[in-house]
N, C-alpha and C. Protein backbone atom coordinates (compact mmCIF):
# COMPACT_ATOMS: atom_id res chain seq x y z
N MET A 1 -19.65 -52.18 -41.30
CA MET A 1 -19.25 -50.72 -42.10
C MET A 1 -17.84 -50.88 -42.90
N ALA A 2 -17.18 -51.22 -42.27
CA ALA A 2 -15.32 -51.33 -42.18
C ALA A 2 -15.56 -53.12 -42.73
N LEU A 3 -16.56 -53.71 -43.17
CA LEU A 3 -16.26 -54.98 -43.32
C LEU A 3 -17.10 -54.76 -44.89
N GLU A 4 -18.01 -53.89 -44.91
CA GLU A 4 -18.48 -54.00 -46.33
C GLU A 4 -17.65 -53.35 -46.86
N GLN A 5 -17.08 -52.09 -46.84
CA GLN A 5 -15.87 -51.70 -47.77
C GLN A 5 -15.63 -52.45 -47.68
N GLU A 6 -14.56 -53.67 -47.56
CA GLU A 6 -13.48 -54.47 -47.73
C GLU A 6 -14.15 -55.06 -48.78
N ILE A 7 -15.00 -55.59 -48.39
CA ILE A 7 -15.99 -56.88 -49.18
C ILE A 7 -15.60 -55.76 -50.63
N SER A 8 -16.41 -54.64 -50.66
CA SER A 8 -16.12 -53.94 -52.12
C SER A 8 -14.98 -54.00 -52.61
N GLU A 9 -14.24 -53.50 -52.04
CA GLU A 9 -12.75 -53.03 -52.30
C GLU A 9 -12.19 -54.97 -53.05
N LEU A 10 -12.29 -56.02 -52.29
CA LEU A 10 -11.84 -57.18 -52.79
C LEU A 10 -12.86 -57.98 -54.25
N SER A 11 -13.68 -57.40 -53.77
CA SER A 11 -14.68 -57.53 -55.08
C SER A 11 -14.50 -56.75 -56.55
N ALA A 12 -14.06 -55.23 -56.53
CA ALA A 12 -13.27 -54.74 -57.26
C ALA A 12 -12.02 -55.01 -57.92
N SER A 13 -11.28 -55.72 -56.86
CA SER A 13 -9.97 -56.46 -57.08
C SER A 13 -9.91 -57.22 -58.04
N ILE A 14 -11.33 -58.12 -57.57
CA ILE A 14 -11.35 -59.59 -58.29
C ILE A 14 -11.86 -59.10 -59.64
N ALA A 15 -12.37 -58.47 -60.09
CA ALA A 15 -12.89 -57.78 -61.20
C ALA A 15 -12.19 -58.16 -61.67
N SER A 16 -11.01 -56.40 -61.28
CA SER A 16 -9.84 -56.26 -62.61
C SER A 16 -9.21 -57.16 -62.86
N TYR A 17 -8.58 -58.29 -61.89
CA TYR A 17 -7.96 -59.48 -61.98
C TYR A 17 -8.47 -60.21 -63.64
N THR A 18 -9.73 -60.65 -63.57
CA THR A 18 -10.38 -61.26 -64.09
C THR A 18 -10.12 -60.65 -65.61
N ASP A 19 -10.28 -59.33 -65.77
CA ASP A 19 -10.45 -58.21 -66.86
C ASP A 19 -8.50 -58.65 -67.31
N GLY A 20 -8.23 -58.64 -66.47
CA GLY A 20 -6.53 -58.54 -66.94
C GLY A 20 -6.50 -59.85 -67.71
N THR A 21 -6.52 -61.18 -66.60
CA THR A 21 -6.73 -62.45 -67.81
C THR A 21 -7.12 -62.91 -68.88
N SER A 22 -8.15 -62.06 -69.17
CA SER A 22 -8.85 -62.34 -70.35
C SER A 22 -8.38 -61.30 -71.29
N GLU A 23 -7.56 -60.49 -71.31
CA GLU A 23 -6.78 -59.58 -71.65
C GLU A 23 -5.61 -60.56 -72.45
N ASP A 24 -5.06 -61.05 -71.23
CA ASP A 24 -3.55 -61.93 -71.25
C ASP A 24 -4.52 -63.10 -72.12
N LYS A 25 -5.23 -63.84 -72.36
CA LYS A 25 -5.55 -64.99 -72.80
C LYS A 25 -5.54 -64.45 -74.49
N LYS A 26 -5.93 -63.62 -74.60
CA LYS A 26 -6.56 -62.73 -75.92
C LYS A 26 -5.28 -63.25 -76.71
N PHE A 27 -4.33 -62.03 -75.45
CA PHE A 27 -2.80 -62.10 -76.65
C PHE A 27 -2.21 -62.82 -76.40
N MET A 28 -1.93 -64.07 -76.51
CA MET A 28 -1.26 -65.17 -75.85
C MET A 28 -1.89 -66.32 -77.36
N ALA A 29 -3.28 -66.01 -77.90
CA ALA A 29 -3.46 -66.53 -78.35
C ALA A 29 -3.52 -65.77 -80.13
N LEU A 30 -3.34 -64.32 -79.64
CA LEU A 30 -3.10 -63.81 -80.96
C LEU A 30 -1.65 -64.49 -81.55
N ILE A 31 -0.19 -64.29 -81.03
CA ILE A 31 0.56 -64.90 -80.56
C ILE A 31 0.73 -65.99 -81.16
N ASN A 32 0.15 -67.24 -80.72
CA ASN A 32 0.82 -68.48 -80.67
C ASN A 32 -0.14 -68.44 -82.94
N LYS A 33 -1.06 -67.61 -82.77
CA LYS A 33 -1.93 -67.51 -84.33
C LYS A 33 -0.95 -67.28 -84.94
N TYR A 34 0.20 -66.37 -84.53
CA TYR A 34 1.33 -65.52 -85.57
C TYR A 34 2.79 -66.40 -85.44
N GLN A 35 2.62 -66.93 -84.73
CA GLN A 35 4.17 -67.69 -84.32
C GLN A 35 5.32 -68.22 -85.24
N ASP A 36 4.84 -68.79 -86.03
CA ASP A 36 5.38 -68.87 -87.71
C ASP A 36 5.05 -68.35 -88.62
N PHE A 37 5.89 -66.63 -88.17
CA PHE A 37 5.27 -65.88 -89.83
C PHE A 37 6.32 -66.08 -90.70
N GLU A 38 6.17 -65.41 -91.72
CA GLU A 38 7.75 -65.03 -92.62
C GLU A 38 7.56 -63.73 -93.04
N ASN A 39 6.14 -63.05 -93.46
CA ASN A 39 6.22 -61.70 -93.98
C ASN A 39 5.07 -60.91 -92.54
N LEU A 40 5.98 -59.75 -91.97
CA LEU A 40 4.40 -59.14 -91.24
C LEU A 40 3.63 -58.10 -92.45
N THR A 41 2.51 -58.49 -91.85
CA THR A 41 0.93 -58.25 -92.92
C THR A 41 0.49 -56.86 -91.88
N ALA A 42 -0.22 -55.68 -92.89
CA ALA A 42 -1.19 -55.02 -92.21
C ALA A 42 -2.27 -55.49 -91.64
N ALA A 43 -2.96 -56.15 -91.74
CA ALA A 43 -3.93 -57.80 -91.09
C ALA A 43 -3.32 -57.68 -89.89
N MET A 44 -2.17 -58.53 -89.66
CA MET A 44 -1.47 -59.21 -88.19
C MET A 44 -1.18 -57.99 -87.56
N LEU A 45 -0.70 -56.69 -87.87
CA LEU A 45 -0.05 -55.09 -87.05
C LEU A 45 -1.15 -54.79 -86.69
N ASN A 46 -2.38 -54.79 -87.02
CA ASN A 46 -3.89 -54.56 -87.06
C ASN A 46 -4.19 -55.19 -85.55
N GLU A 47 -4.03 -56.28 -85.88
CA GLU A 47 -4.81 -57.07 -84.49
C GLU A 47 -3.91 -57.36 -83.51
N LEU A 48 -2.39 -57.31 -83.94
CA LEU A 48 -1.55 -57.60 -82.41
C LEU A 48 -1.02 -56.05 -81.94
N VAL A 49 -1.21 -54.84 -82.41
CA VAL A 49 -0.61 -53.42 -81.99
C VAL A 49 -2.33 -53.04 -81.50
N ASP A 50 -2.53 -52.41 -80.42
CA ASP A 50 -3.69 -52.09 -79.47
C ASP A 50 -3.92 -50.76 -80.01
N LYS A 51 -2.55 -49.97 -79.69
CA LYS A 51 -2.49 -48.50 -80.07
C LYS A 51 -0.47 -48.36 -79.74
N ILE A 52 -0.27 -46.98 -80.30
CA ILE A 52 1.18 -46.55 -80.07
C ILE A 52 0.78 -45.05 -79.19
N VAL A 53 1.85 -45.39 -78.47
CA VAL A 53 1.72 -43.70 -77.89
C VAL A 53 2.97 -43.17 -78.16
N ALA A 54 3.02 -41.94 -78.36
CA ALA A 54 3.94 -41.75 -78.65
C ALA A 54 4.22 -40.11 -77.77
N TYR A 55 5.79 -40.21 -77.38
CA TYR A 55 5.92 -38.62 -76.03
C TYR A 55 7.06 -37.21 -77.06
N GLU A 56 7.21 -36.85 -76.27
CA GLU A 56 7.96 -35.77 -76.71
C GLU A 56 9.27 -36.11 -76.04
N ARG A 57 10.63 -35.75 -77.16
CA ARG A 57 11.71 -36.54 -76.71
C ARG A 57 12.35 -35.60 -75.17
N ASP A 58 13.00 -36.29 -74.56
CA ASP A 58 13.32 -35.99 -73.10
C ASP A 58 15.00 -35.40 -74.24
N ARG A 59 14.71 -34.00 -73.29
CA ARG A 59 16.05 -33.77 -73.89
C ARG A 59 17.45 -33.55 -73.12
N LYS A 60 17.39 -34.54 -71.68
CA LYS A 60 17.95 -34.45 -70.69
C LYS A 60 19.14 -35.45 -71.38
N GLY A 61 20.60 -34.61 -71.17
CA GLY A 61 21.50 -35.67 -71.89
C GLY A 61 21.74 -35.17 -73.37
N SER A 62 21.31 -35.09 -74.07
CA SER A 62 21.38 -35.05 -75.90
C SER A 62 22.38 -34.18 -75.86
N LYS A 63 22.86 -34.34 -77.52
CA LYS A 63 23.69 -33.42 -77.69
C LYS A 63 23.17 -31.74 -77.94
N GLU A 64 22.28 -31.84 -78.25
CA GLU A 64 21.22 -30.37 -78.03
C GLU A 64 21.64 -29.87 -76.80
N GLY A 65 21.58 -30.76 -75.85
CA GLY A 65 21.16 -29.24 -74.56
C GLY A 65 22.64 -29.67 -73.50
N GLU A 66 23.82 -30.41 -74.34
CA GLU A 66 25.03 -30.08 -73.50
C GLU A 66 25.63 -28.66 -74.24
N ALA A 67 26.65 -28.37 -73.23
CA ALA A 67 27.70 -27.00 -73.31
C ALA A 67 27.59 -26.85 -74.75
N LYS A 68 28.29 -25.95 -75.59
CA LYS A 68 29.27 -26.41 -76.62
C LYS A 68 30.35 -25.31 -76.76
N GLY A 69 31.19 -26.12 -76.73
CA GLY A 69 32.66 -25.49 -76.32
C GLY A 69 33.51 -24.80 -77.34
N GLY A 70 34.16 -23.67 -77.74
CA GLY A 70 35.13 -23.60 -78.05
C GLY A 70 36.35 -24.53 -78.39
N ALA A 71 36.84 -25.05 -79.46
CA ALA A 71 38.49 -25.11 -79.72
C ALA A 71 39.69 -24.29 -79.66
C-alpha cells in the first residue's frame, strides 16, 4: 500500500514538473522572439503578459499610518 501511494505521489510530482517545463519553454520562445524590439506594442503585451494581479496597499510604514505630531 505505501509503495503504491509513493508511486502515485512521485508520478504527480513528475507531471507537475513536466507541465512547468513546457511553460518555461513557451516563455523563453516568446522572449527570444521579442528580444530586439524597438517599440512595445499591444500585441507583444498580449503575448507576454498572462495576467496582472493587484493587491490592496499595505499601510504599515506609510506616511498615512504614522503618528502626526504638532510643531
